[in-house]
């Protein structure tokens, strides 16, 4: 049982494929428009239950409960080797200018 006021992540469907705009690409139109969001659980629940949460900005959202106390998973993408080289190159340039 996950208790009321626990920080959780939920998932829901915004639009079913039949409700999607005719202006979206064909492959996009075949799948639902989904959302994932986090907030505080308003009632005790179990994973998989449909629940309502209060988000950090105060909105109430309803969806299926995915997890309690979700981690923040940050991903800045794949390594770009040129970005690693910028710092040392800049230091060399600045040192040369100071000489």
Foldseek 3Di string as FASTA:
>chain_A
DAAFFFKFKFKDFPAALVRDDPPDDPVVSNGTDMDMAIATWHGDDDQQDWGWGQHPVGDIDTGGTHDTPDDDDDDPDDDDVVVVVVVVVVVVVVVVVVD
